[in-house]
Amino acid sequence: MTNSALLVMDVQRDVVAIADDGSGYLPRLRRAIDGARAARIPVIYVVLGLRPGDPEVSPRNKVMTNAVRAGLFTEGAPGTEIHPDVAPRPGDVVVTKRRGSAFSGSDLDLVLRARDIDRLVLTGIATSAVVLSTLWRAIDLDFGLTVLADACLDTDPEVHRMLIDKLFPQWADVLTVDDWIKAVAPQ
């Protein structure tokens, strides 16, 4: 029997404002969160947060430099908060990362090991960023993986489809939110 955790990654106000395509992403993600809770699967939130003054951002890192220029991800800024439609409950773990992967510059691995978690269910924005980079790191750490296809979102729908349909199935189970909920629902 595996011990799973649902990761809700980078679903922060500013990120949702940039990426939400009006397809009902947040309600689908909310169903996944509610399904995890009903199945007693821990929900762990991951946010990207940079210290004021951005001491951890190198000018050689194009992605992070562009995010800082756009005014994104400063810890304590309203846009960095988790979107209220999927906000954590009191007692939920919120992990702050400093780069693309949920493991980069965070204590996520420590949290997972302390809870004896060996399978991750990945959700978040963007499919081509946090989901992809977290998937790669989780593979190297020998986690079992599930990706909830419709609980991931990307600003480029074609890139999202390519990752979900072609790349991710090589290393993870790829399911819809509804199919995953049926699979984990208490009997």
Protein backbone atom coordinates (compact mmCIF):
# COMPACT_ATOMS: atom_id res chain seq x y z
CA MET A 1 0.00 0.00 0.00
CA THR A 2 1.41 3.35 -0.96
CA ASN A 3 1.09 6.58 0.95
CA SER A 4 0.09 9.38 -1.40
CA ALA A 5 -0.01 13.15 -1.17
CA LEU A 6 -1.75 15.59 -3.50
CA LEU A 7 0.54 18.49 -4.44
CA VAL A 8 -1.20 21.75 -5.35
CA MET A 9 1.59 23.76 -6.96
CA ASP A 10 1.88 27.45 -7.87
CA VAL A 11 -1.86 28.10 -7.80
CA GLN A 12 -1.20 31.63 -6.65
CA ARG A 13 -3.32 34.71 -7.39
CA ASP A 14 -0.95 36.25 -9.96
CA VAL A 15 -0.32 32.91 -11.68
CA VAL A 16 -4.04 32.16 -11.96
CA ALA A 17 -4.62 35.66 -13.35
CA ILE A 18 -2.06 34.99 -16.09
CA ALA A 19 -2.94 31.39 -16.95
CA ASP A 20 -6.65 30.81 -16.25
CA ASP A 21 -8.32 30.16 -19.59
CA GLY A 22 -11.92 30.16 -18.38
CA SER A 23 -12.20 26.36 -18.75
CA GLY A 24 -13.21 25.75 -15.14
CA TYR A 25 -9.73 24.95 -13.91
CA LEU A 26 -10.21 26.11 -10.31
CA PRO A 27 -13.47 24.15 -9.75
CA ARG A 28 -11.79 20.99 -11.14
CA LEU A 29 -8.81 21.51 -8.86
CA ARG A 30 -11.18 22.08 -5.93
CA ARG A 31 -12.82 18.69 -6.72
CA ALA A 32 -9.40 17.04 -6.64
CA ILE A 33 -8.62 18.66 -3.28
CA ASP A 34 -12.00 17.64 -1.86
CA GLY A 35 -11.54 14.11 -3.24
CA ALA A 36 -8.13 13.84 -1.61
CA ARG A 37 -9.51 14.99 1.72
CA ALA A 38 -12.39 12.49 1.49
CA ALA A 39 -9.86 9.72 0.84
CA ARG A 40 -7.66 10.98 3.73
CA ILE A 41 -4.85 11.84 1.33
CA PRO A 42 -2.82 14.80 2.57
CA VAL A 43 -2.98 17.96 0.49
CA ILE A 44 0.32 19.82 0.36
CA TYR A 45 0.47 23.28 -1.16
CA VAL A 46 3.61 24.52 -2.89
CA VAL A 47 4.20 28.19 -3.66
CA LEU A 48 7.00 30.07 -5.31
CA GLY A 49 8.21 32.81 -3.01
CA LEU A 50 11.18 35.12 -3.33
CA ARG A 51 12.56 37.21 -0.51
CA PRO A 52 12.22 40.98 -0.86
CA GLY A 53 15.20 42.22 -2.83
CA ASP A 54 15.41 38.83 -4.60
CA PRO A 55 18.78 37.71 -3.18
CA GLU A 56 18.25 34.21 -4.58
CA VAL A 57 17.78 35.36 -8.19
CA SER A 58 20.85 35.28 -10.40
CA PRO A 59 20.87 37.52 -13.49
CA ARG A 60 21.97 34.38 -15.38
CA ASN A 61 18.60 32.76 -14.67
CA LYS A 62 16.38 34.11 -17.44
CA VAL A 63 13.12 32.66 -16.11
CA MET A 64 13.53 33.97 -12.58
CA THR A 65 14.85 37.35 -13.75
CA ASN A 66 11.82 37.79 -16.01
CA ALA A 67 9.47 36.86 -13.15
CA VAL A 68 11.10 39.46 -10.91
CA ARG A 69 10.87 42.11 -13.66
CA ALA A 70 7.17 41.30 -13.98
CA GLY A 71 6.77 41.88 -10.24
CA LEU A 72 5.88 38.26 -9.50
CA PHE A 73 6.47 36.00 -6.49
CA THR A 74 7.67 38.39 -3.79
CA GLU A 75 6.91 36.80 -0.41
CA GLY A 76 4.12 38.64 1.37
CA ALA A 77 2.74 40.29 -1.78
CA PRO A 78 -1.00 39.71 -2.34
CA GLY A 79 -0.41 38.12 -5.76
CA THR A 80 1.80 35.45 -4.21
CA GLU A 81 -1.02 34.15 -1.99
CA ILE A 82 -2.69 30.85 -2.84
CA HIS A 83 -5.88 31.52 -4.80
CA PRO A 84 -8.82 31.70 -2.37
CA ASP A 85 -10.91 29.23 -4.40
CA VAL A 86 -8.46 26.45 -3.46
CA ALA A 87 -6.95 27.90 -0.28
CA PRO A 88 -5.48 25.62 2.35
CA ARG A 89 -7.28 24.76 5.55
CA PRO A 90 -5.73 25.46 8.94
CA GLY A 91 -3.10 22.83 9.58
CA ASP A 92 -2.37 22.15 5.90
CA VAL A 93 1.29 22.18 4.96
CA VAL A 94 2.40 25.02 2.69
CA VAL A 95 5.89 24.65 1.25
CA THR A 96 7.76 27.63 -0.20
CA LYS A 97 10.17 26.92 -3.04
CA ARG A 98 12.70 29.23 -4.67
CA ARG A 99 12.78 27.81 -8.21
CA GLY A 100 10.68 25.84 -10.70
CA SER A 101 10.57 22.42 -9.06
CA ALA A 102 8.60 21.95 -5.86
CA PHE A 103 11.79 20.43 -4.44
CA SER A 104 14.10 23.36 -5.35
CA GLY A 105 15.07 25.42 -2.34
CA SER A 106 12.25 23.94 -0.25
CA ASP A 107 11.81 21.42 2.54
CA LEU A 108 9.29 19.35 0.53
CA ASP A 109 11.44 16.21 0.58
CA LEU A 110 11.73 16.46 4.37
CA VAL A 111 7.96 16.88 4.74
CA LEU A 112 7.28 13.89 2.49
CA ARG A 113 9.82 11.64 4.21
CA ALA A 114 8.48 12.60 7.67
CA ARG A 115 5.02 11.45 6.53
CA ASP A 116 6.34 8.34 4.78
CA ILE A 117 4.88 9.55 1.46
CA ASP A 118 6.02 7.50 -1.53
CA ARG A 119 3.52 8.52 -4.21
CA LEU A 120 2.78 12.05 -5.45
CA VAL A 121 -0.30 13.27 -7.26
CA LEU A 122 0.71 16.36 -9.23
CA THR A 123 -1.48 19.36 -10.02
CA GLY A 124 -0.66 22.97 -10.74
CA ILE A 125 0.19 25.86 -12.99
CA ALA A 126 2.10 25.57 -15.28
CA THR A 127 2.29 22.13 -16.80
CA SER A 128 5.51 23.10 -18.60
CA ALA A 129 7.10 24.59 -15.49
CA VAL A 130 6.37 23.41 -11.94
CA VAL A 131 4.61 20.19 -12.97
CA LEU A 132 7.32 19.14 -15.43
CA SER A 133 10.26 20.07 -13.21
CA THR A 134 8.70 18.47 -10.12
CA LEU A 135 7.93 15.31 -12.08
CA TRP A 136 11.56 15.00 -13.19
CA ARG A 137 12.91 15.48 -9.67
CA ALA A 138 10.34 13.08 -8.19
CA ILE A 139 11.39 10.42 -10.70
CA ASP A 140 15.00 10.78 -9.54
CA LEU A 141 13.81 10.45 -5.93
CA ASP A 142 11.89 7.22 -6.75
CA PHE A 143 8.39 8.51 -6.03
CA GLY A 144 5.42 6.86 -7.68
CA LEU A 145 3.61 9.50 -9.74
CA THR A 146 0.15 10.42 -10.91
CA VAL A 147 -0.55 13.57 -12.91
CA LEU A 148 -4.10 14.89 -12.94
CA ALA A 149 -4.33 16.08 -16.54
CA ASP A 150 -7.23 18.48 -16.07
CA ALA A 151 -5.89 19.82 -12.76
CA CYS A 152 -2.78 21.09 -14.55
CA LEU A 153 -2.86 24.22 -16.68
CA ASP A 154 -0.43 25.97 -18.99
CA THR A 155 -0.46 29.25 -20.87
CA ASP A 156 0.28 27.25 -24.02
CA PRO A 157 -2.49 24.65 -24.57
CA GLU A 158 -0.47 22.80 -27.21
CA VAL A 159 2.52 22.37 -24.89
CA HIS A 160 0.12 21.18 -22.17
CA ARG A 161 -1.40 18.57 -24.51
CA MET A 162 2.00 17.35 -25.68
CA LEU A 163 3.24 16.87 -22.12
CA ILE A 164 0.01 15.24 -20.89
CA ASP A 165 -0.50 13.01 -23.95
CA LYS A 166 3.05 12.09 -24.96
CA LEU A 167 5.70 12.76 -22.33
CA PHE A 168 4.13 12.29 -18.88
CA PRO A 169 2.58 8.84 -19.58
CA GLN A 170 6.10 7.45 -19.97
CA TRP A 171 6.80 8.07 -16.26
CA ALA A 172 3.47 8.62 -14.51
CA ASP A 173 -0.14 7.56 -14.44
CA VAL A 174 -2.07 10.34 -16.17
CA LEU A 175 -5.71 10.57 -15.09
CA THR A 176 -8.54 13.05 -15.07
CA VAL A 177 -9.70 14.43 -11.73
CA ASP A 178 -12.93 12.43 -11.92
CA ASP A 179 -11.15 9.15 -12.74
CA TRP A 180 -8.66 9.69 -9.90
CA ILE A 181 -11.43 10.47 -7.41
CA LYS A 182 -13.20 7.23 -8.39
CA ALA A 183 -9.97 5.31 -7.90
CA VAL A 184 -9.25 6.71 -4.41
CA ALA A 185 -12.80 7.09 -3.10
CA PRO A 186 -13.45 5.29 0.16
CA GLN A 187 -15.34 2.06 -0.43
